[in-house]
Amino acid sequence: MNPANIVDCLCDLVKNNLSLHSTSDISSKEREIAQHLCETIVTFNKCKRVEYEEETTLDLYEMSNDYESEVDDTTSHDDDSSEADDELESEEKEREGCNVKGYSLEYMKEVVAYADAKDSSGKRRRSWKTVHHKYKKVPDQAYISRFRNYIEQQGAREKSLMVHDIDIKRWGLKAAKEIKLDEFSASDRWLRNFKGRHGIVSRRILNTDQVGIEKEAHSTRTLSFGGEKKTFGTVASKNASTHSYTVQPTISLDGKQVGPILLCLQEPKGKLGEGVKNKLFKPSNVVITCSASGKLTSSLVAYWRDNCLLPSIGGKCLLLSDSWSAQNDMSLYDKANCQNKHITRIQTPQKTTSDLQPLDVYYNRQMKNFIKRIYNRVALDEIPIHMYERNNIIKIVSLVHNQLSAPIFRQMIRYSWYASGLSKTDPTPFFNINEVCFPPITSHEECSVDNCDDAVLITCAFCSEKFCFHDFFVNYHFHD
């Protein structure tokens, strides 16, 4: 590639398309543009391969077609004067500084409603001069389009509605249609540039909660004989039925489990010996810790933050959690303690957890129901295994968390947010644990594993294969 040929061709193209008769001094802006052109040619010259792409974009700083016809055709500038250059630079700087943050949403709505008013024939009733005369705080007619766009986008955020990339694309296409920009396609590259110019970032909205689970979870209901005055139940270990461990799952607004689940075991001395650690079952989706009570402490909240939350999020997230005192220390969420990530925590008011926290409203019940199903089968079939042992607790927590991460449960997790009133999008119908993993129609079927005639315990939420207790739990049926 010969740069001299490029320069010659460029000169010919400019001469043929522009009248070059100016003798004014070279302005700083002109010198800057020439410098950028030079750098571009140098870059092309260094490249071994060049791909040319053409895209029609939507620039919200440009004047809307609504008022193009109102520009005074008699207005002119002396192209040869330096004053024209200075005015052009000033105009460009004004556009660069064009910012709607100085206006309230109510004021913008009022301006747009006044400007968009139409007569009986469907034509706009007012010119830009009329609009500007009434609203002198609006310096340029380009602001009308910006106000209109802001009302749709930021208006949604003012109402705490969830805005996603597809919404910005949809609004962009709508704005392009209004100004008859038919070639505009709202591409991914346009979206990235738009979000960059306006400081828009994607922020994950998460909910986390601590859930206590008995070491031997048992059902509080059973079939019995009518008229029976007393109904008794048995457990493998009375101690295990009165002691518990704690798990801390995290879910996102888009219906996913986030990161590994934290498991806090109950250990009499509040720590695990080296011999015990070496024999622990260590699944990839469980972070294991312990305490004397089996409950979390403020130091373990920091441990959850460092090992479960931070590795699983981007630069920013909004975290919703309850008013439990151990997680109320705001220094836990300072950027200095969060690998320079920005975490904004919102606390649910006291005594509202059961109504406002998505995990408590629906998800936790599903998780506990899953665990009880496993425990009940072990008890009813008298399977020779102690589910309250460390490695079995770890294994069941891992398998349940893994099953709940299946795509089929995303709508169910979204429902947790909807049922708590934090999302306006109703995800119903959806499938819950009983419908997917424990449908009654499998009660008479046999395990899908070859040469296994044991009764089915569970239908896998990922592969829909049916497994008995041994092939699901003992052989650890886990999907990566």
Protein backbone atom coordinates (compact mmCIF):
# COMPACT_ATOMS: atom_id res chain seq x y z
CA MET A 1 0.00 0.00 0.00
CA ASN A 2 1.50 3.31 -1.13
CA PRO A 3 0.51 6.24 1.16
CA ALA A 4 1.46 8.77 -1.54
CA ASN A 5 -1.22 7.36 -3.83
CA ILE A 6 -3.78 7.58 -1.01
CA VAL A 7 -2.93 11.26 -0.40
CA ASP A 8 -3.15 12.06 -4.14
CA CYS A 9 -6.53 10.33 -4.44
CA LEU A 10 -7.78 12.08 -1.33
CA CYS A 11 -6.76 15.48 -2.74
CA ASP A 12 -8.55 14.78 -6.02
CA LEU A 13 -11.70 13.67 -4.19
CA VAL A 14 -11.71 16.78 -1.99
CA LYS A 15 -11.12 19.10 -4.96
CA ASN A 16 -13.96 17.51 -6.92
CA ASN A 17 -16.46 17.66 -4.05
CA LEU A 18 -15.57 20.93 -2.33
CA SER A 19 -14.77 24.44 -3.50
CA LEU A 20 -11.28 25.14 -2.18
CA HIS A 21 -10.83 28.88 -2.47
CA SER A 22 -10.31 29.85 1.18
CA THR A 23 -7.19 31.83 2.05
CA SER A 24 -7.85 32.14 5.79
CA ASP A 25 -5.34 31.18 8.44
CA ILE A 26 -5.33 27.55 9.56
CA SER A 27 -7.36 27.13 12.77
CA SER A 28 -6.51 24.77 15.59
CA LYS A 29 -9.55 22.67 14.80
CA GLU A 30 -8.49 22.29 11.16
CA ARG A 31 -4.99 21.31 12.23
CA GLU A 32 -6.45 18.72 14.62
CA ILE A 33 -8.59 17.19 11.86
CA ALA A 34 -5.59 17.03 9.52
CA GLN A 35 -3.60 15.31 12.27
CA HIS A 36 -6.34 12.66 12.69
CA LEU A 37 -6.40 12.04 8.92
CA CYS A 38 -2.64 11.64 8.90
CA GLU A 39 -2.73 9.16 11.79
CA THR A 40 -5.44 7.18 10.01
CA ILE A 41 -3.39 6.92 6.80
CA VAL A 42 -0.28 5.90 8.80
CA THR A 43 -2.33 3.20 10.54
CA PHE A 44 -3.62 1.87 7.22
CA ASN A 45 -0.08 1.82 5.86
CA LYS A 46 1.09 -0.37 8.76
CA CYS A 47 -1.78 -2.84 8.41
CA LYS A 48 -1.38 -6.04 6.44
CA ARG A 49 -5.12 -6.38 6.02
CA VAL A 50 -7.88 -3.76 5.95
CA GLU A 51 -11.60 -4.43 6.30
CA TYR A 52 -14.03 -1.62 5.46
CA GLU A 53 -17.39 -1.48 7.19
CA GLU A 54 -20.17 1.02 6.61
CA GLU A 55 -22.93 1.58 9.14
CA THR A 56 -25.74 4.06 9.48
CA THR A 57 -25.82 5.36 13.02
CA LEU A 58 -28.20 7.41 15.10
CA ASP A 59 -26.72 10.50 16.73
CA LEU A 60 -29.11 11.94 19.28
CA TYR A 61 -27.26 15.24 19.25
CA GLU A 62 -28.41 15.93 15.70
CA MET A 63 -31.40 18.09 14.91
CA SER A 64 -34.69 16.26 14.53
CA ASN A 65 -36.48 16.39 11.20
CA ASP A 66 -39.46 17.75 13.10
CA TYR A 67 -37.94 21.21 12.96
CA GLU A 68 -35.54 21.05 9.99
CA SER A 69 -37.88 23.05 7.79
CA GLU A 70 -37.91 25.85 10.35
CA VAL A 71 -34.27 26.78 9.87
CA ASP A 72 -33.98 30.26 8.38
CA ASP A 73 -32.71 29.81 4.85
CA THR A 74 -31.46 33.38 4.77
CA THR A 75 -28.94 32.76 7.52
CA SER A 76 -25.42 32.57 6.12
CA HIS A 77 -21.82 32.68 7.30
CA ASP A 78 -18.69 33.93 5.64
CA ASP A 79 -16.76 30.72 5.04
CA ASP A 80 -13.59 32.72 4.57
CA SER A 81 -13.63 34.38 7.96
CA SER A 82 -12.03 33.05 11.12
CA GLU A 83 -15.22 34.02 12.96
CA ALA A 84 -17.06 31.23 11.14
CA ASP A 85 -14.45 28.73 12.34
CA ASP A 86 -14.72 29.97 15.91
CA GLU A 87 -18.50 29.79 15.77
CA LEU A 88 -18.33 26.24 14.42
CA GLU A 89 -16.00 25.20 17.23
CA SER A 90 -18.26 26.86 19.79
CA GLU A 91 -21.28 25.07 18.35
CA GLU A 92 -19.53 21.71 18.48
CA LYS A 93 -18.49 22.29 22.07
CA GLU A 94 -22.06 23.19 22.95
CA ARG A 95 -23.27 19.93 21.46
CA GLU A 96 -20.60 17.99 23.29
CA GLY A 97 -21.76 19.57 26.52
CA CYS A 98 -25.43 18.97 25.74
CA ASN A 99 -26.72 17.42 28.96
CA VAL A 100 -30.28 16.79 30.14
CA LYS A 101 -29.30 16.21 33.76
CA GLY A 102 -29.98 19.86 34.55
CA TYR A 103 -33.68 19.36 33.82
CA SER A 104 -36.23 17.48 35.89
CA LEU A 105 -38.23 14.66 34.33
CA GLU A 106 -41.44 16.65 34.87
CA TYR A 107 -39.99 19.70 33.05
CA MET A 108 -38.89 17.56 30.09
CA LYS A 109 -42.33 15.96 29.86
CA GLU A 110 -43.94 19.41 29.84
CA VAL A 111 -41.65 20.67 27.07
CA VAL A 112 -42.17 17.59 24.90
CA ALA A 113 -45.93 17.67 25.36
CA TYR A 114 -46.01 21.35 24.36
CA ALA A 115 -43.74 20.82 21.34
CA ASP A 116 -45.54 17.67 20.14
CA ALA A 117 -49.08 19.08 20.33
CA LYS A 118 -50.87 18.65 16.98
CA ASP A 119 -53.84 20.26 15.34
CA SER A 120 -56.91 18.55 13.88
CA SER A 121 -55.04 17.72 10.66
CA GLY A 122 -52.26 15.95 12.53
CA LYS A 123 -49.61 18.61 11.99
CA ARG A 124 -47.56 20.18 14.73
CA ARG A 125 -49.22 23.30 16.10
CA ARG A 126 -46.07 25.08 17.20
CA SER A 127 -42.73 25.97 15.62
CA TRP A 128 -39.40 25.75 17.39
CA LYS A 129 -39.38 29.55 17.86
CA THR A 130 -42.71 29.31 19.70
CA VAL A 131 -41.43 26.48 21.88
CA HIS A 132 -38.20 28.33 22.63
CA HIS A 133 -40.09 31.53 23.48
CA LYS A 134 -42.08 29.69 26.17
CA TYR A 135 -39.20 27.50 27.44
CA LYS A 136 -36.12 29.71 27.30
CA LYS A 137 -34.11 27.27 29.42
CA VAL A 138 -34.01 24.96 26.37
CA PRO A 139 -31.10 26.38 24.31
CA ASP A 140 -31.41 24.30 21.16
CA GLN A 141 -34.13 22.41 19.30
CA ALA A 142 -32.00 19.25 19.38
CA TYR A 143 -32.93 19.06 23.06
CA ILE A 144 -36.52 18.19 22.13
CA SER A 145 -35.44 14.87 20.66
CA ARG A 146 -33.09 14.27 23.56
CA PHE A 147 -35.86 15.00 26.06
CA ARG A 148 -38.18 12.62 24.25
CA ASN A 149 -35.58 9.85 24.29
CA TYR A 150 -34.68 10.48 27.92
CA ILE A 151 -38.31 10.31 29.03
CA GLU A 152 -38.65 6.82 27.57
CA GLN A 153 -35.35 5.53 28.95
CA GLN A 154 -34.79 7.33 32.22
CA GLY A 155 -38.51 7.46 32.83
CA ALA A 156 -38.42 3.69 33.06
CA ARG A 157 -35.61 3.89 35.61
CA GLU A 158 -37.49 6.53 37.63
CA LYS A 159 -40.25 3.95 38.00
CA SER A 160 -37.66 1.32 39.05
CA LEU A 161 -38.41 -0.73 35.93
CA MET A 162 -35.67 -2.97 34.59
CA VAL A 163 -33.97 -1.71 31.42
CA HIS A 164 -31.86 -4.00 29.22
CA ASP A 165 -29.82 -3.73 26.02
CA ILE A 166 -32.76 -4.85 23.90
CA ASP A 167 -34.83 -1.93 25.26
CA ILE A 168 -32.21 0.64 24.22
CA LYS A 169 -32.09 -0.93 20.75
CA ARG A 170 -35.89 -0.80 20.52
CA TRP A 171 -35.98 2.87 21.54
CA GLY A 172 -33.18 3.64 19.08
CA LEU A 173 -35.10 2.01 16.23
CA LYS A 174 -38.20 3.95 17.23
CA ALA A 175 -36.27 7.25 17.22
CA ALA A 176 -34.72 6.41 13.82
CA LYS A 177 -38.16 5.67 12.39
CA GLU A 178 -39.43 9.04 13.59
CA ILE A 179 -36.73 10.88 11.65
CA LYS A 180 -36.98 8.49 8.66
CA LEU A 181 -33.47 7.04 9.10
CA ASP A 182 -34.36 3.81 7.33
CA GLU A 183 -30.80 2.44 7.11
CA PHE A 184 -30.32 2.45 10.90
CA SER A 185 -30.20 -1.07 12.38
CA ALA A 186 -29.32 -0.57 16.10
CA SER A 187 -26.30 -2.87 15.82
CA ASP A 188 -24.29 -4.18 18.76
CA ARG A 189 -21.50 -1.74 17.94
CA TRP A 190 -23.92 1.20 17.99
CA LEU A 191 -25.24 -0.03 21.34
CA ARG A 192 -21.72 -0.21 22.83
CA ASN A 193 -20.93 3.30 21.61
CA PHE A 194 -24.25 4.67 22.87
CA LYS A 195 -23.77 3.16 26.33
CA GLY A 196 -20.20 4.46 26.44
CA ARG A 197 -21.21 8.03 25.52
CA HIS A 198 -23.95 8.17 28.12
CA GLY A 199 -22.18 6.31 30.92
CA ILE A 200 -24.66 3.42 30.89
CA VAL A 201 -23.50 0.17 32.48
CA SER A 202 -25.17 -3.16 33.10
CA ARG A 203 -25.69 -3.69 36.80
CA ARG A 204 -26.67 -7.11 38.12
CA ILE A 205 -29.38 -7.14 40.76
CA LEU A 206 -28.82 -9.90 43.29
CA ASN A 207 -30.47 -11.28 46.40
CA THR A 208 -28.70 -13.38 49.01
CA ASP A 209 -29.98 -14.96 52.21
CA GLN A 210 -28.88 -17.35 54.96
CA VAL A 211 -30.99 -20.49 55.28
CA GLY A 212 -30.84 -22.83 58.25
CA ILE A 213 -31.42 -26.51 57.44
CA GLU A 214 -31.69 -29.35 59.98
CA LYS A 215 -28.98 -31.96 59.72
CA GLU A 216 -31.78 -34.46 59.35
CA ALA A 217 -34.59 -32.71 57.55
CA HIS A 218 -37.92 -34.43 58.06
CA SER A 219 -41.44 -33.84 56.88
CA THR A 220 -44.03 -32.56 59.37
CA ARG A 221 -46.87 -34.33 57.57
CA THR A 222 -47.63 -38.03 57.03
CA LEU A 223 -50.45 -40.35 56.04
CA SER A 224 -52.13 -42.06 58.96
CA PHE A 225 -55.33 -43.92 59.90
CA GLY A 226 -58.51 -41.95 60.35
CA GLY A 227 -59.50 -41.54 64.00
CA GLU A 228 -55.98 -42.19 65.27
CA LYS A 229 -55.48 -40.10 68.43
CA LYS A 230 -51.70 -39.93 68.33
CA THR A 231 -49.38 -40.15 65.34
CA PHE A 232 -45.68 -40.79 65.89
CA GLY A 233 -42.65 -40.38 63.64
CA THR A 234 -39.06 -41.51 63.96
CA VAL A 235 -35.74 -39.97 62.99
CA ALA A 236 -32.36 -41.58 62.62
CA SER A 237 -30.74 -39.11 65.02
CA LYS A 238 -32.57 -36.88 67.52
CA ASN A 239 -29.46 -34.70 67.83
CA ALA A 240 -29.32 -34.23 64.04
CA SER A 241 -32.97 -33.18 63.94
CA THR A 242 -32.36 -30.37 66.47
CA HIS A 243 -29.06 -29.10 65.06
CA SER A 244 -28.60 -27.37 61.76
CA TYR A 245 -26.18 -26.07 59.18
CA THR A 246 -26.50 -22.88 57.16
CA VAL A 247 -26.41 -22.34 53.42
CA GLN A 248 -26.31 -18.99 51.63
CA PRO A 249 -27.49 -19.02 48.02
CA THR A 250 -27.52 -15.97 45.73
CA ILE A 251 -29.92 -15.40 42.84
CA SER A 252 -30.13 -12.73 40.15
CA LEU A 253 -33.09 -10.86 38.73
CA ASP A 254 -32.68 -12.63 35.37
CA GLY A 255 -33.42 -16.00 36.98
CA LYS A 256 -29.99 -17.47 37.63
CA GLN A 257 -28.07 -18.72 40.63
CA VAL A 258 -24.95 -16.63 41.07
CA GLY A 259 -21.63 -18.19 42.00
CA PRO A 260 -21.13 -21.13 44.37
CA ILE A 261 -23.32 -21.61 47.42
CA LEU A 262 -21.81 -21.06 50.87
CA LEU A 263 -22.15 -23.95 53.35
CA CYS A 264 -21.45 -23.35 57.03
CA LEU A 265 -21.15 -26.64 58.93
CA GLN A 266 -21.63 -26.96 62.67
CA GLU A 267 -18.42 -28.01 64.37
CA PRO A 268 -18.13 -28.21 68.20
CA LYS A 269 -14.85 -26.27 68.31
CA GLY A 270 -15.79 -23.91 65.48
CA LYS A 271 -13.08 -25.22 63.15
CA LEU A 272 -12.13 -28.22 61.04
CA GLY A 273 -9.02 -30.20 61.83
CA GLU A 274 -6.46 -30.90 59.15
CA GLY A 275 -7.37 -34.58 59.08
CA VAL A 276 -11.05 -33.73 58.55
CA LYS A 277 -10.20 -31.18 55.83
CA ASN A 278 -8.20 -33.78 53.91
CA LYS A 279 -11.18 -36.15 53.85
CA LEU A 280 -13.84 -33.58 52.92
CA PHE A 281 -15.81 -33.96 49.73
CA LYS A 282 -15.04 -30.79 47.77
CA PRO A 283 -17.50 -30.02 44.95
CA SER A 284 -16.92 -27.11 42.59
CA ASN A 285 -20.18 -25.32 43.42
CA VAL A 286 -19.90 -25.26 47.24
CA VAL A 287 -17.65 -23.08 49.40
CA ILE A 288 -17.25 -24.78 52.79
CA THR A 289 -16.71 -23.13 56.17
CA CYS A 290 -17.86 -23.80 59.74
CA SER A 291 -18.74 -22.32 63.11
CA ALA A 292 -19.59 -23.65 66.56
CA SER A 293 -23.29 -22.91 66.05
CA GLY A 294 -23.55 -23.72 62.35
CA LYS A 295 -24.60 -20.12 61.77
CA LEU A 296 -22.74 -17.29 60.06
CA THR A 297 -20.81 -14.55 61.83
CA SER A 298 -19.69 -11.15 60.54
CA SER A 299 -16.27 -12.60 59.66
CA LEU A 300 -17.97 -15.38 57.67
CA VAL A 301 -20.00 -12.77 55.79
CA ALA A 302 -16.68 -11.35 54.59
CA TYR A 303 -15.60 -14.90 53.73
CA TRP A 304 -18.77 -15.32 51.63
CA ARG A 305 -18.13 -11.96 49.95
CA ASP A 306 -14.55 -12.88 48.99
CA ASN A 307 -15.14 -16.47 47.91
CA CYS A 308 -18.70 -16.53 46.54
CA LEU A 309 -19.80 -13.04 45.52
CA LEU A 310 -16.78 -11.14 44.18
CA PRO A 311 -15.49 -13.89 41.83
CA SER A 312 -18.98 -14.13 40.29
CA ILE A 313 -19.80 -10.49 39.47
CA GLY A 314 -18.51 -7.76 37.18
CA GLY A 315 -17.51 -4.25 38.16
CA LYS A 316 -20.90 -3.27 39.58
CA CYS A 317 -23.88 -4.93 41.23
CA LEU A 318 -26.89 -4.09 43.37
CA LEU A 319 -27.20 -6.45 46.35
CA LEU A 320 -30.45 -6.95 48.24
CA SER A 321 -30.24 -8.60 51.67
CA ASP A 322 -32.15 -8.60 54.93
CA SER A 323 -31.53 -6.71 58.17
CA TRP A 324 -29.46 -9.41 59.89
CA SER A 325 -26.94 -7.42 61.96
CA ALA A 326 -23.81 -9.36 60.93
CA GLN A 327 -24.10 -8.14 57.32
CA ASN A 328 -25.08 -4.54 58.10
CA ASP A 329 -21.52 -3.23 58.41
CA MET A 330 -21.27 -1.07 55.29
CA SER A 331 -17.47 -1.35 55.28
CA LEU A 332 -18.00 -4.92 54.06
CA TYR A 333 -19.08 -3.42 50.73
CA ASP A 334 -16.49 -0.63 50.37
CA LYS A 335 -14.58 -0.73 47.08
CA ALA A 336 -11.33 -1.05 49.03
CA ASN A 337 -12.59 -4.35 50.49
CA CYS A 338 -14.26 -5.54 47.28
CA GLN A 339 -11.36 -5.74 44.80
CA ASN A 340 -12.28 -2.23 43.62
CA LYS A 341 -15.74 -3.44 42.56
CA HIS A 342 -18.76 -1.22 43.19
CA ILE A 343 -21.38 -3.01 45.31
CA THR A 344 -24.48 -1.10 46.33
CA ARG A 345 -26.37 -2.84 49.13
CA ILE A 346 -30.07 -2.35 49.81
CA GLN A 347 -31.45 -3.66 53.09
CA THR A 348 -35.01 -4.89 53.42
CA PRO A 349 -36.82 -3.34 56.41
CA GLN A 350 -37.08 -5.40 59.57
CA LYS A 351 -39.99 -7.84 59.80
CA THR A 352 -40.62 -7.68 56.04
CA THR A 353 -38.26 -10.46 54.94
CA SER A 354 -41.00 -13.00 54.31
CA ASP A 355 -42.79 -10.53 52.05
CA LEU A 356 -40.03 -8.57 50.31
CA GLN A 357 -37.03 -10.89 49.98
CA PRO A 358 -37.24 -13.02 46.79
CA LEU A 359 -35.36 -15.97 48.28
CA ASP A 360 -37.68 -16.13 51.28
CA VAL A 361 -40.84 -15.58 49.27
CA TYR A 362 -40.40 -18.67 47.07
CA TYR A 363 -36.91 -20.01 46.27
CA ASN A 364 -35.91 -21.21 49.76
CA ARG A 365 -39.05 -23.31 50.12
CA GLN A 366 -38.24 -25.08 46.87
CA MET A 367 -34.68 -25.78 48.01
CA LYS A 368 -35.83 -27.15 51.38
CA ASN A 369 -38.52 -29.23 49.72
CA PHE A 370 -35.87 -30.79 47.46
CA ILE A 371 -33.69 -31.74 50.46
CA LYS A 372 -36.63 -33.18 52.40
CA ARG A 373 -37.54 -35.37 49.43
CA ILE A 374 -34.10 -36.96 49.56
CA TYR A 375 -34.15 -37.42 53.35
CA ASN A 376 -37.65 -38.93 53.30
CA ARG A 377 -36.68 -41.53 50.69
CA VAL A 378 -33.68 -42.57 52.78
CA ALA A 379 -35.90 -42.99 55.86
CA LEU A 380 -38.80 -44.78 54.11
CA ASP A 381 -36.60 -47.22 52.18
CA GLU A 382 -34.30 -47.68 55.20
CA ILE A 383 -31.27 -46.96 53.06
CA PRO A 384 -28.14 -47.61 55.18
CA ILE A 385 -26.64 -44.13 55.03
CA HIS A 386 -26.38 -41.29 57.56
CA MET A 387 -27.39 -38.11 55.78
CA TYR A 388 -26.25 -35.95 58.72
CA GLU A 389 -22.58 -36.82 58.17
CA ARG A 390 -20.34 -34.03 56.85
CA ASN A 391 -19.66 -35.35 53.37
CA ASN A 392 -23.30 -36.31 52.82
CA ILE A 393 -24.42 -32.82 53.84
CA ILE A 394 -21.89 -31.34 51.41
CA LYS A 395 -22.96 -33.69 48.65
CA ILE A 396 -26.69 -33.02 48.97
CA VAL A 397 -26.15 -29.24 49.09
CA SER A 398 -24.02 -29.49 45.95
CA LEU A 399 -26.54 -31.66 44.06
CA VAL A 400 -29.54 -29.52 44.99
CA HIS A 401 -27.72 -26.29 44.02
CA ASN A 402 -26.66 -27.93 40.76
CA GLN A 403 -30.19 -29.07 39.89
CA LEU A 404 -31.65 -25.64 40.65
CA SER A 405 -29.18 -24.08 38.20
CA ALA A 406 -30.84 -25.93 35.31
CA PRO A 407 -32.32 -23.61 32.64
CA ILE A 408 -35.80 -25.02 33.24
CA PHE A 409 -35.87 -23.32 36.67
CA ARG A 410 -35.00 -19.81 35.45
CA GLN A 411 -38.65 -18.81 35.24
CA MET A 412 -39.22 -20.17 38.74
CA ILE A 413 -36.38 -18.03 40.11
CA ARG A 414 -37.76 -15.01 38.26
CA TYR A 415 -41.08 -15.70 39.96
CA SER A 416 -39.38 -15.23 43.34
CA TRP A 417 -38.70 -11.62 42.35
CA TYR A 418 -42.18 -11.15 40.94
CA ALA A 419 -43.90 -12.62 44.02
CA SER A 420 -41.96 -10.24 46.26
CA GLY A 421 -43.11 -7.25 44.21
CA LEU A 422 -39.62 -6.37 42.99
CA SER A 423 -40.30 -7.22 39.34
CA LYS A 424 -43.32 -6.26 37.27
CA THR A 425 -42.79 -9.08 34.76
CA ASP A 426 -44.96 -12.10 35.52
CA PRO A 427 -42.97 -15.23 34.47
CA THR A 428 -45.86 -17.65 34.83
CA PRO A 429 -46.38 -20.35 33.82
CA PHE A 430 -43.25 -22.00 35.18
CA PHE A 431 -42.21 -25.39 36.53
CA ASN A 432 -41.32 -25.97 40.19
CA ILE A 433 -39.28 -28.69 41.90
CA ASN A 434 -42.13 -31.16 42.29
CA GLU A 435 -43.21 -30.86 38.65
CA VAL A 436 -39.71 -31.26 37.19
CA CYS A 437 -37.77 -33.51 39.57
CA PHE A 438 -40.45 -35.41 41.49
CA PRO A 439 -43.48 -35.88 39.21
CA PRO A 440 -45.86 -38.58 40.55
CA ILE A 441 -45.91 -40.38 37.20
CA THR A 442 -42.37 -41.69 37.87
CA SER A 443 -43.31 -43.51 41.07
CA HIS A 444 -43.69 -46.84 39.26
CA GLU A 445 -40.74 -46.43 36.87
CA GLU A 446 -37.27 -47.90 37.14
CA CYS A 447 -33.89 -46.18 37.08
CA SER A 448 -32.55 -45.20 33.64
CA VAL A 449 -29.10 -46.64 34.38
CA ASP A 450 -28.46 -49.96 32.67
CA ASN A 451 -28.97 -53.06 34.81
CA CYS A 452 -30.56 -51.04 37.65
CA ASP A 453 -34.11 -51.98 38.59
CA ASP A 454 -34.41 -49.71 41.66
CA ALA A 455 -37.35 -47.33 41.90
CA VAL A 456 -36.89 -43.82 40.56
CA LEU A 457 -36.08 -41.10 43.09
CA ILE A 458 -35.60 -38.12 40.81
CA THR A 459 -35.85 -36.89 37.24
CA CYS A 460 -32.77 -34.83 36.37
CA ALA A 461 -33.63 -31.20 35.59
CA PHE A 462 -30.84 -31.07 32.98
CA CYS A 463 -31.00 -34.33 31.02
CA SER A 464 -34.48 -35.61 32.04
CA GLU A 465 -33.00 -39.01 32.83
CA LYS A 466 -34.53 -40.86 35.81
CA PHE A 467 -32.30 -42.02 38.66
CA CYS A 468 -32.63 -44.06 41.82
CA PHE A 469 -31.08 -42.81 45.09
CA HIS A 470 -27.83 -44.70 44.55
CA ASP A 471 -27.22 -43.45 41.00
CA PHE A 472 -28.22 -39.87 41.80
CA PHE A 473 -26.75 -39.33 45.27
CA VAL A 474 -24.10 -41.97 45.93
CA ASN A 475 -22.68 -41.83 42.38
CA TYR A 476 -23.05 -38.04 42.43
CA HIS A 477 -25.00 -37.14 39.26
CA PHE A 478 -23.59 -33.64 38.64
CA HIS A 479 -23.85 -31.48 35.51
CA ASP A 480 -20.97 -29.09 34.74
